[in-house]
Amino acid sequence: MSSRDNQAKATLADPRWARIVARDKTADSSFWYRVSTTGVYCRPSCPSRGCNPRNVTIHDTLESAQKTGFRACKRCKPDGPAAEMVSAEIVTKA
């Protein structure tokens, strides 16, 4: 069995995978994941196209995801505040 197959099994067995597939916004800031084929790391609610579990590694911390050398996703911007927080601030200011 290849290491990619082992990676897929580990990812599928991780309960956080279901939260990634569901794009669960409540999971944001509790973990991050990186995708080896795109070279990016994302937050769980990322609206980007779904990814193959063989290419995913889940990280407990943002720092861990950043240390991989991958870049931050331009869609979900995992290094910044969640979109809901930004929207709430705008509404509060209005």
N, C-alpha and C. Protein backbone atom coordinates (compact mmCIF):
# COMPACT_ATOMS: atom_id res chain seq x y z
N MET A 1 0.84 -1.17 0.00
CA MET A 1 0.00 0.00 0.00
C MET A 1 0.89 1.24 0.00
N SER A 2 0.57 2.22 -0.82
CA SER A 2 1.40 3.42 -0.94
C SER A 2 1.16 4.37 0.23
N SER A 3 2.08 5.30 0.40
CA SER A 3 1.94 6.28 1.47
C SER A 3 0.74 7.18 1.22
N ARG A 4 0.41 7.44 -0.05
CA ARG A 4 -0.77 8.25 -0.36
C ARG A 4 -2.05 7.52 0.03
N ASP A 5 -2.07 6.19 -0.14
CA ASP A 5 -3.23 5.40 0.28
C ASP A 5 -3.35 5.42 1.80
N ASN A 6 -2.22 5.33 2.48
CA ASN A 6 -2.24 5.41 3.94
C ASN A 6 -2.72 6.79 4.40
N GLN A 7 -2.29 7.83 3.67
CA GLN A 7 -2.72 9.19 3.99
C GLN A 7 -4.24 9.31 3.82
N ALA A 8 -4.76 8.74 2.75
CA ALA A 8 -6.21 8.80 2.50
C ALA A 8 -6.97 8.10 3.61
N LYS A 9 -6.49 6.94 4.03
CA LYS A 9 -7.15 6.20 5.12
C LYS A 9 -7.13 7.00 6.41
N ALA A 10 -6.00 7.62 6.71
CA ALA A 10 -5.88 8.42 7.93
C ALA A 10 -6.82 9.62 7.87
N THR A 11 -6.88 10.26 6.73
CA THR A 11 -7.75 11.43 6.59
C THR A 11 -9.21 11.03 6.71
N LEU A 12 -9.60 9.98 6.02
CA LEU A 12 -10.99 9.52 6.07
C LEU A 12 -11.40 9.07 7.47
N ALA A 13 -10.46 8.54 8.24
CA ALA A 13 -10.75 8.09 9.60
C ALA A 13 -10.85 9.25 10.60
N ASP A 14 -10.29 10.38 10.24
CA ASP A 14 -10.30 11.55 11.13
C ASP A 14 -11.69 12.19 11.10
N PRO A 15 -12.31 12.38 12.27
CA PRO A 15 -13.66 12.99 12.30
C PRO A 15 -13.70 14.41 11.73
N ARG A 16 -12.56 15.06 11.66
CA ARG A 16 -12.52 16.42 11.11
C ARG A 16 -12.73 16.43 9.60
N TRP A 17 -12.49 15.31 8.92
CA TRP A 17 -12.68 15.24 7.48
C TRP A 17 -14.14 15.55 7.12
N ALA A 18 -15.08 15.01 7.89
CA ALA A 18 -16.50 15.27 7.62
C ALA A 18 -16.81 16.75 7.74
N ARG A 19 -16.14 17.43 8.63
CA ARG A 19 -16.36 18.87 8.79
C ARG A 19 -15.79 19.65 7.61
N ILE A 20 -14.71 19.16 7.03
CA ILE A 20 -14.14 19.79 5.83
C ILE A 20 -15.10 19.60 4.65
N VAL A 21 -15.58 18.38 4.48
CA VAL A 21 -16.50 18.08 3.38
C VAL A 21 -17.78 18.92 3.51
N ALA A 22 -18.25 19.10 4.75
CA ALA A 22 -19.47 19.88 4.99
C ALA A 22 -19.22 21.39 4.98
N ARG A 23 -17.94 21.79 4.90
CA ARG A 23 -17.56 23.22 4.95
C ARG A 23 -18.15 23.87 6.21
N ASP A 24 -17.93 23.19 7.31
CA ASP A 24 -18.48 23.57 8.62
C ASP A 24 -17.81 24.84 9.15
N LYS A 25 -18.56 25.94 9.17
CA LYS A 25 -18.02 27.21 9.63
C LYS A 25 -17.73 27.21 11.12
N THR A 26 -18.42 26.34 11.86
CA THR A 26 -18.16 26.27 13.30
C THR A 26 -16.82 25.64 13.62
N ALA A 27 -16.21 24.98 12.64
CA ALA A 27 -14.91 24.34 12.84
C ALA A 27 -13.75 25.31 12.59
N ASP A 28 -14.04 26.46 12.00
CA ASP A 28 -12.97 27.43 11.75
C ASP A 28 -12.27 27.79 13.05
N SER A 29 -10.97 27.92 12.98
CA SER A 29 -10.10 28.23 14.11
C SER A 29 -9.90 27.07 15.07
N SER A 30 -10.49 25.91 14.76
CA SER A 30 -10.21 24.75 15.61
C SER A 30 -9.19 23.82 14.94
N PHE A 31 -9.09 23.92 13.60
CA PHE A 31 -8.05 23.19 12.87
C PHE A 31 -7.96 23.78 11.46
N TRP A 32 -6.91 23.41 10.74
CA TRP A 32 -6.66 23.85 9.37
C TRP A 32 -6.22 22.62 8.58
N TYR A 33 -6.29 22.71 7.27
CA TYR A 33 -5.81 21.58 6.47
C TYR A 33 -5.05 22.11 5.27
N ARG A 34 -4.14 21.28 4.77
CA ARG A 34 -3.38 21.64 3.58
C ARG A 34 -3.65 20.62 2.50
N VAL A 35 -3.53 21.07 1.26
CA VAL A 35 -3.78 20.21 0.10
C VAL A 35 -2.49 20.18 -0.72
N SER A 36 -1.90 19.01 -0.82
CA SER A 36 -0.59 18.90 -1.47
C SER A 36 -0.63 19.21 -2.97
N THR A 37 -1.73 18.94 -3.63
CA THR A 37 -1.80 19.17 -5.08
C THR A 37 -1.92 20.65 -5.44
N THR A 38 -2.45 21.45 -4.53
CA THR A 38 -2.60 22.89 -4.81
C THR A 38 -1.55 23.72 -4.11
N GLY A 39 -0.92 23.15 -3.07
CA GLY A 39 0.11 23.88 -2.33
C GLY A 39 -0.44 24.96 -1.42
N VAL A 40 -1.69 24.79 -0.97
CA VAL A 40 -2.30 25.78 -0.09
C VAL A 40 -2.78 25.14 1.20
N TYR A 41 -2.96 25.99 2.22
CA TYR A 41 -3.64 25.54 3.42
C TYR A 41 -4.90 26.39 3.60
N CYS A 42 -5.93 25.76 4.19
CA CYS A 42 -7.25 26.36 4.25
C CYS A 42 -7.88 26.19 5.64
N ARG A 43 -8.95 26.95 5.84
CA ARG A 43 -9.79 26.72 7.02
C ARG A 43 -10.87 25.71 6.62
N PRO A 44 -11.50 25.03 7.57
CA PRO A 44 -12.48 23.98 7.25
C PRO A 44 -13.66 24.45 6.39
N SER A 45 -14.04 25.70 6.49
CA SER A 45 -15.20 26.18 5.74
C SER A 45 -14.86 26.69 4.34
N CYS A 46 -13.66 26.46 3.88
CA CYS A 46 -13.22 26.99 2.59
C CYS A 46 -14.20 26.62 1.47
N PRO A 47 -14.62 27.63 0.67
CA PRO A 47 -15.58 27.35 -0.40
C PRO A 47 -14.94 26.80 -1.68
N SER A 48 -13.65 26.52 -1.66
CA SER A 48 -12.99 26.02 -2.86
C SER A 48 -13.51 24.62 -3.22
N ARG A 49 -13.15 24.20 -4.41
CA ARG A 49 -13.57 22.88 -4.90
C ARG A 49 -13.11 21.79 -3.94
N GLY A 50 -13.91 20.76 -3.79
CA GLY A 50 -13.57 19.65 -2.91
C GLY A 50 -12.24 19.01 -3.26
N CYS A 51 -11.59 18.43 -2.26
CA CYS A 51 -10.28 17.84 -2.49
C CYS A 51 -10.29 16.35 -2.17
N ASN A 52 -9.34 15.67 -2.74
CA ASN A 52 -9.18 14.24 -2.54
C ASN A 52 -8.50 14.01 -1.18
N PRO A 53 -9.04 13.13 -0.35
CA PRO A 53 -8.42 12.89 0.96
C PRO A 53 -6.99 12.39 0.88
N ARG A 54 -6.59 11.85 -0.27
CA ARG A 54 -5.21 11.40 -0.45
C ARG A 54 -4.24 12.58 -0.43
N ASN A 55 -4.74 13.77 -0.71
CA ASN A 55 -3.90 14.95 -0.82
C ASN A 55 -4.01 15.89 0.37
N VAL A 56 -4.74 15.47 1.40
CA VAL A 56 -5.03 16.35 2.54
C VAL A 56 -4.26 15.92 3.78
N THR A 57 -3.73 16.92 4.47
CA THR A 57 -3.14 16.72 5.79
C THR A 57 -3.82 17.72 6.72
N ILE A 58 -4.31 17.25 7.84
CA ILE A 58 -5.01 18.11 8.79
C ILE A 58 -4.05 18.55 9.88
N HIS A 59 -4.12 19.85 10.22
CA HIS A 59 -3.24 20.44 11.23
C HIS A 59 -4.06 20.98 12.40
N ASP A 60 -3.54 20.78 13.60
CA ASP A 60 -4.22 21.26 14.80
C ASP A 60 -4.08 22.76 14.99
N THR A 61 -3.00 23.34 14.46
CA THR A 61 -2.77 24.77 14.65
C THR A 61 -2.48 25.45 13.33
N LEU A 62 -2.74 26.74 13.30
CA LEU A 62 -2.42 27.54 12.12
C LEU A 62 -0.91 27.56 11.90
N GLU A 63 -0.17 27.66 12.98
CA GLU A 63 1.29 27.69 12.88
C GLU A 63 1.83 26.42 12.23
N SER A 64 1.25 25.30 12.57
CA SER A 64 1.67 24.02 11.98
C SER A 64 1.42 24.02 10.47
N ALA A 65 0.26 24.52 10.05
CA ALA A 65 -0.05 24.59 8.62
C ALA A 65 0.89 25.56 7.91
N GLN A 66 1.20 26.67 8.55
CA GLN A 66 2.08 27.67 7.95
C GLN A 66 3.50 27.14 7.77
N LYS A 67 3.96 26.32 8.69
CA LYS A 67 5.33 25.80 8.65
C LYS A 67 5.56 24.81 7.52
N THR A 68 4.51 24.38 6.84
CA THR A 68 4.67 23.41 5.76
C THR A 68 5.29 24.03 4.52
N GLY A 69 5.31 25.36 4.46
CA GLY A 69 5.83 26.04 3.28
C GLY A 69 4.76 26.29 2.23
N PHE A 70 3.54 25.83 2.49
CA PHE A 70 2.44 26.08 1.57
C PHE A 70 1.96 27.51 1.78
N ARG A 71 1.25 28.06 0.81
CA ARG A 71 0.74 29.42 0.94
C ARG A 71 -0.70 29.38 1.45
N ALA A 72 -1.14 30.51 1.99
CA ALA A 72 -2.52 30.62 2.47
C ALA A 72 -3.47 30.66 1.27
N CYS A 73 -4.60 30.03 1.39
CA CYS A 73 -5.62 30.02 0.34
C CYS A 73 -6.12 31.44 0.13
N LYS A 74 -6.30 31.81 -1.12
CA LYS A 74 -6.78 33.16 -1.43
C LYS A 74 -8.30 33.27 -1.32
N ARG A 75 -8.99 32.14 -1.23
CA ARG A 75 -10.45 32.18 -1.10
C ARG A 75 -10.89 32.29 0.34
N CYS A 76 -10.34 31.46 1.23
CA CYS A 76 -10.80 31.47 2.62
C CYS A 76 -9.91 32.30 3.54
N LYS A 77 -8.75 32.70 3.07
CA LYS A 77 -7.82 33.54 3.83
C LYS A 77 -7.67 33.05 5.28
N PRO A 78 -7.07 31.87 5.44
CA PRO A 78 -6.98 31.27 6.77
C PRO A 78 -6.12 32.02 7.78
N ASP A 79 -5.28 32.96 7.31
CA ASP A 79 -4.44 33.73 8.23
C ASP A 79 -5.18 34.89 8.87
N GLY A 80 -6.31 35.26 8.31
CA GLY A 80 -7.06 36.41 8.82
C GLY A 80 -8.28 35.97 9.62
N PRO A 81 -9.09 36.95 10.03
CA PRO A 81 -10.31 36.61 10.76
C PRO A 81 -11.33 35.94 9.84
N ALA A 82 -12.22 35.18 10.43
CA ALA A 82 -13.27 34.51 9.66
C ALA A 82 -14.17 35.56 9.00
N ALA A 83 -14.73 35.23 7.86
CA ALA A 83 -15.58 36.16 7.12
C ALA A 83 -16.76 36.64 7.96
N GLU A 84 -17.30 35.78 8.81
CA GLU A 84 -18.43 36.17 9.65
C GLU A 84 -18.03 37.26 10.63
N MET A 85 -16.81 37.18 11.13
CA MET A 85 -16.34 38.20 12.07
C MET A 85 -16.19 39.54 11.37
N VAL A 86 -15.67 39.53 10.16
CA VAL A 86 -15.51 40.76 9.39
C VAL A 86 -16.89 41.36 9.10
N SER A 87 -17.83 40.52 8.70
CA SER A 87 -19.19 40.99 8.41
C SER A 87 -19.85 41.57 9.65
N ALA A 88 -19.67 40.91 10.78
CA ALA A 88 -20.26 41.39 12.03
C ALA A 88 -19.69 42.76 12.41
N GLU A 89 -18.40 42.96 12.19
CA GLU A 89 -17.80 44.25 12.48
C GLU A 89 -18.36 45.35 11.58
N ILE A 90 -18.58 45.04 10.33
CA ILE A 90 -19.14 46.01 9.39
C ILE A 90 -20.55 46.40 9.81
N VAL A 91 -21.35 45.39 10.18
CA VAL A 91 -22.71 45.66 10.61
C VAL A 91 -22.73 46.47 11.89
N THR A 92 -21.84 46.15 12.81
CA THR A 92 -21.75 46.88 14.08
C THR A 92 -21.41 48.35 13.85
N LYS A 93 -20.48 48.58 12.93
CA LYS A 93 -20.07 49.96 12.63
C LYS A 93 -21.18 50.75 11.95
N ALA A 94 -22.00 50.06 11.17
CA ALA A 94 -23.09 50.73 10.46
C ALA A 94 -24.15 51.11 11.45
